[in-house]
Amino acid sequence: MSTIASPCTSVCRMNPKSGLCEGCLRTLDEIAGWSRMDDAAKEAVWLRIEERKAAHPDEAECP
């Protein structure tokens, strides 16, 4: 079982401009595939989320 927490914040709205969830900043593919990802893939998603937050801080609702 994975020890990597899901980035989901239960704010499930897709931004039509960015294609990212407004709550967790994941793409639909990242959201849909999360449960099948191994820990390395999940860590890579978390890194992309942090990059997205840094690039677009006004789009992130989650801390």
C-alpha atoms as a PDB file:
ATOM      1  CA  MET A   1       0.000   0.000   0.000  1.00  0.00           C
ATOM      2  CA  SER A   2       1.218   3.495  -0.858  1.00  0.00           C
ATOM      3  CA  THR A   3       2.355   5.934   1.798  1.00  0.00           C
ATOM      4  CA  ILE A   4       2.031   8.922  -0.552  1.00  0.00           C
ATOM      5  CA  ALA A   5      -1.018  11.004   0.348  1.00  0.00           C
ATOM      6  CA  SER A   6      -3.426  12.131  -2.328  1.00  0.00           C
ATOM      7  CA  PRO A   7      -3.287  15.843  -3.109  1.00  0.00           C
ATOM      8  CA  CYS A   8      -7.096  15.936  -3.374  1.00  0.00           C
ATOM      9  CA  THR A   9      -8.695  18.755  -1.376  1.00  0.00           C
ATOM     10  CA  SER A  10     -12.300  17.877  -2.305  1.00  0.00           C
ATOM     11  CA  VAL A  11     -12.534  21.055  -4.396  1.00  0.00           C
ATOM     12  CA  CYS A  12     -13.221  19.228  -7.618  1.00  0.00           C
ATOM     13  CA  ARG A  13     -13.592  21.849 -10.341  1.00  0.00           C
ATOM     14  CA  MET A  14     -11.626  21.790 -13.552  1.00  0.00           C
ATOM     15  CA  ASN A  15     -10.350  25.134 -14.792  1.00  0.00           C
ATOM     16  CA  PRO A  16     -11.208  25.262 -18.509  1.00  0.00           C
ATOM     17  CA  LYS A  17      -8.267  27.564 -19.281  1.00  0.00           C
ATOM     18  CA  SER A  18      -5.520  25.620 -17.541  1.00  0.00           C
ATOM     19  CA  GLY A  19      -7.030  22.131 -17.669  1.00  0.00           C
ATOM     20  CA  LEU A  20      -6.145  21.708 -13.997  1.00  0.00           C
ATOM     21  CA  CYS A  21      -8.298  20.981 -10.980  1.00  0.00           C
ATOM     22  CA  GLU A  22      -8.786  24.208  -9.036  1.00  0.00           C
ATOM     23  CA  GLY A  23      -8.339  22.358  -5.741  1.00  0.00           C
ATOM     24  CA  CYS A  24      -5.281  20.176  -6.254  1.00  0.00           C
ATOM     25  CA  LEU A  25      -3.790  21.439  -9.535  1.00  0.00           C
ATOM     26  CA  ARG A  26      -3.786  17.991 -11.154  1.00  0.00           C
ATOM     27  CA  THR A  27      -4.817  17.148 -14.698  1.00  0.00           C
ATOM     28  CA  LEU A  28      -7.718  14.798 -15.362  1.00  0.00           C
ATOM     29  CA  ASP A  29      -5.227  12.074 -16.347  1.00  0.00           C
ATOM     30  CA  GLU A  30      -3.332  12.516 -13.065  1.00  0.00           C
ATOM     31  CA  ILE A  31      -6.562  12.379 -11.067  1.00  0.00           C
ATOM     32  CA  ALA A  32      -7.911   9.339 -12.908  1.00  0.00           C
ATOM     33  CA  GLY A  33      -4.632   7.429 -12.724  1.00  0.00           C
ATOM     34  CA  TRP A  34      -3.708   8.221  -9.115  1.00  0.00           C
ATOM     35  CA  SER A  35      -4.932   4.939  -7.617  1.00  0.00           C
ATOM     36  CA  ARG A  36      -2.907   2.925 -10.142  1.00  0.00           C
ATOM     37  CA  MET A  37       0.333   4.894  -9.790  1.00  0.00           C
ATOM     38  CA  ASP A  38       3.330   3.588  -7.913  1.00  0.00           C
ATOM     39  CA  ASP A  39       4.998   5.807  -5.314  1.00  0.00           C
ATOM     40  CA  ALA A  40       7.559   7.185  -7.782  1.00  0.00           C
ATOM     41  CA  ALA A  41       4.809   8.332 -10.144  1.00  0.00           C
ATOM     42  CA  LYS A  42       2.861   9.879  -7.259  1.00  0.00           C
ATOM     43  CA  GLU A  43       5.968  11.760  -6.122  1.00  0.00           C
ATOM     44  CA  ALA A  44       6.391  13.032  -9.687  1.00  0.00           C
ATOM     45  CA  VAL A  45       2.812  14.333  -9.660  1.00  0.00           C
ATOM     46  CA  TRP A  46       3.468  16.106  -6.356  1.00  0.00           C
ATOM     47  CA  LEU A  47       6.557  17.741  -7.884  1.00  0.00           C
ATOM     48  CA  ARG A  48       4.513  18.933 -10.882  1.00  0.00           C
ATOM     49  CA  ILE A  49       1.874  20.329  -8.495  1.00  0.00           C
ATOM     50  CA  GLU A  50       4.557  22.328  -6.664  1.00  0.00           C
ATOM     51  CA  GLU A  51       5.861  23.635 -10.001  1.00  0.00           C
ATOM     52  CA  ARG A  52       2.326  24.631 -11.011  1.00  0.00           C
ATOM     53  CA  LYS A  53       1.776  26.412  -7.689  1.00  0.00           C
ATOM     54  CA  ALA A  54       4.992  28.358  -8.177  1.00  0.00           C
ATOM     55  CA  ALA A  55       4.125  29.270 -11.754  1.00  0.00           C
ATOM     56  CA  HIS A  56       0.475  30.185 -11.049  1.00  0.00           C
ATOM     57  CA  PRO A  57       0.039  30.939  -7.330  1.00  0.00           C
ATOM     58  CA  ASP A  58      -3.338  32.629  -7.925  1.00  0.00           C
ATOM     59  CA  GLU A  59      -4.852  29.385  -9.264  1.00  0.00           C
ATOM     60  CA  ALA A  60      -4.191  27.213  -6.207  1.00  0.00           C
ATOM     61  CA  GLU A  61      -6.904  26.984  -3.556  1.00  0.00           C
ATOM     62  CA  CYS A  62      -5.027  24.493  -1.453  1.00  0.00           C
ATOM     63  CA  PRO A  63      -2.105  25.346   0.836  1.00  0.00           C
END
